[in-house]
Amino acid sequence: MGKVKVFSDSTCDLPLDLIAQHQIGIVPLYVLFNDESYGDGTDITTPDLYKKVEETGKLPKTAAPSPGDFI
């Protein structure tokens, strides 16, 4: 049987040591503010996300990664 790689999106909340130990691939969700798109955890951090919400007074939308993002 061939090797299997496990992937999850960035909202899985798995401990970093578990991700590293099992070499789990993490694919970021998209965080959308008006016409701006950010990769969760790659283009925008959680503190920056909260700051943007506080500054704009608006909540972001999210979008799932496309199948191509997992490749």
C-alpha atoms as a PDB file:
ATOM      1  CA  MET A   1       0.000   0.000   0.000  1.00  0.00           C
ATOM      2  CA  GLY A   2       1.247   3.494  -0.838  1.00  0.00           C
ATOM      3  CA  LYS A   3       1.927   6.244   1.649  1.00  0.00           C
ATOM      4  CA  VAL A   4      -0.908   8.482   2.772  1.00  0.00           C
ATOM      5  CA  LYS A   5      -0.607  12.176   3.647  1.00  0.00           C
ATOM      6  CA  VAL A   6      -3.188  13.818   5.881  1.00  0.00           C
ATOM      7  CA  PHE A   7      -4.272  17.397   5.123  1.00  0.00           C
ATOM      8  CA  SER A   8      -6.579  19.749   6.995  1.00  0.00           C
ATOM      9  CA  ASP A   9      -7.632  23.343   6.669  1.00  0.00           C
ATOM     10  CA  SER A  10      -6.254  26.008   8.973  1.00  0.00           C
ATOM     11  CA  THR A  11      -9.246  25.936  11.331  1.00  0.00           C
ATOM     12  CA  CYS A  12      -8.492  22.414  12.590  1.00  0.00           C
ATOM     13  CA  ASP A  13      -6.948  23.737  15.848  1.00  0.00           C
ATOM     14  CA  LEU A  14      -4.564  20.797  16.119  1.00  0.00           C
ATOM     15  CA  PRO A  15      -1.573  21.311  18.420  1.00  0.00           C
ATOM     16  CA  LEU A  16       1.556  22.315  16.492  1.00  0.00           C
ATOM     17  CA  ASP A  17       3.541  19.409  17.917  1.00  0.00           C
ATOM     18  CA  LEU A  18       0.935  16.933  16.620  1.00  0.00           C
ATOM     19  CA  ILE A  19       1.009  18.562  13.175  1.00  0.00           C
ATOM     20  CA  ALA A  20       4.798  18.290  13.095  1.00  0.00           C
ATOM     21  CA  GLN A  21       4.919  14.765  14.511  1.00  0.00           C
ATOM     22  CA  HIS A  22       2.527  13.396  11.888  1.00  0.00           C
ATOM     23  CA  GLN A  23       3.606  15.771   9.101  1.00  0.00           C
ATOM     24  CA  ILE A  24       0.031  16.953   8.586  1.00  0.00           C
ATOM     25  CA  GLY A  25      -0.380  19.383   5.709  1.00  0.00           C
ATOM     26  CA  ILE A  26      -2.262  22.547   6.663  1.00  0.00           C
ATOM     27  CA  VAL A  27      -4.053  24.464   3.905  1.00  0.00           C
ATOM     28  CA  PRO A  28      -5.236  27.969   4.832  1.00  0.00           C
ATOM     29  CA  LEU A  29      -8.846  29.070   4.581  1.00  0.00           C
ATOM     30  CA  TYR A  30      -9.389  32.402   2.887  1.00  0.00           C
ATOM     31  CA  VAL A  31     -10.348  35.382   5.045  1.00  0.00           C
ATOM     32  CA  LEU A  32     -12.167  38.034   3.018  1.00  0.00           C
ATOM     33  CA  PHE A  33     -12.407  41.715   3.965  1.00  0.00           C
ATOM     34  CA  ASN A  34     -14.325  43.573   1.259  1.00  0.00           C
ATOM     35  CA  ASP A  35     -12.156  43.092  -1.851  1.00  0.00           C
ATOM     36  CA  GLU A  36      -9.083  41.829   0.033  1.00  0.00           C
ATOM     37  CA  SER A  37      -8.329  38.121   0.437  1.00  0.00           C
ATOM     38  CA  TYR A  38      -5.882  36.701   2.997  1.00  0.00           C
ATOM     39  CA  GLY A  39      -4.679  33.175   3.676  1.00  0.00           C
ATOM     40  CA  ASP A  40      -5.528  32.315   7.293  1.00  0.00           C
ATOM     41  CA  GLY A  41      -2.277  32.034   9.225  1.00  0.00           C
ATOM     42  CA  THR A  42      -0.114  32.765   6.187  1.00  0.00           C
ATOM     43  CA  ASP A  43      -1.143  36.227   4.962  1.00  0.00           C
ATOM     44  CA  ILE A  44      -2.885  37.376   8.138  1.00  0.00           C
ATOM     45  CA  THR A  45      -2.334  36.382  11.760  1.00  0.00           C
ATOM     46  CA  THR A  46      -5.068  36.034  14.358  1.00  0.00           C
ATOM     47  CA  PRO A  47      -4.027  39.255  16.180  1.00  0.00           C
ATOM     48  CA  ASP A  48      -4.004  41.129  12.847  1.00  0.00           C
ATOM     49  CA  LEU A  49      -7.444  39.715  12.048  1.00  0.00           C
ATOM     50  CA  TYR A  50      -8.867  40.980  15.349  1.00  0.00           C
ATOM     51  CA  LYS A  51      -7.224  44.367  14.782  1.00  0.00           C
ATOM     52  CA  LYS A  52      -8.789  44.647  11.322  1.00  0.00           C
ATOM     53  CA  VAL A  53     -12.225  43.769  12.738  1.00  0.00           C
ATOM     54  CA  GLU A  54     -11.801  46.420  15.434  1.00  0.00           C
ATOM     55  CA  GLU A  55     -10.646  49.049  12.920  1.00  0.00           C
ATOM     56  CA  THR A  56     -13.354  48.381  10.327  1.00  0.00           C
ATOM     57  CA  GLY A  57     -16.206  47.393  12.626  1.00  0.00           C
ATOM     58  CA  LYS A  58     -16.994  44.606  10.181  1.00  0.00           C
ATOM     59  CA  LEU A  59     -16.671  40.853  10.410  1.00  0.00           C
ATOM     60  CA  PRO A  60     -14.816  39.063   7.642  1.00  0.00           C
ATOM     61  CA  LYS A  61     -16.199  36.310   5.491  1.00  0.00           C
ATOM     62  CA  THR A  62     -14.361  33.064   4.935  1.00  0.00           C
ATOM     63  CA  ALA A  63     -14.012  30.767   1.972  1.00  0.00           C
ATOM     64  CA  ALA A  64     -12.856  27.192   1.854  1.00  0.00           C
ATOM     65  CA  PRO A  65      -9.643  26.385   0.029  1.00  0.00           C
ATOM     66  CA  SER A  66     -10.100  25.077  -3.484  1.00  0.00           C
ATOM     67  CA  PRO A  67      -9.185  21.463  -4.276  1.00  0.00           C
ATOM     68  CA  GLY A  68      -6.111  22.794  -6.095  1.00  0.00           C
ATOM     69  CA  ASP A  69      -4.855  24.374  -2.867  1.00  0.00           C
ATOM     70  CA  PHE A  70      -4.394  20.890  -1.430  1.00  0.00           C
ATOM     71  CA  ILE A  71      -2.019  19.824  -4.199  1.00  0.00           C
END
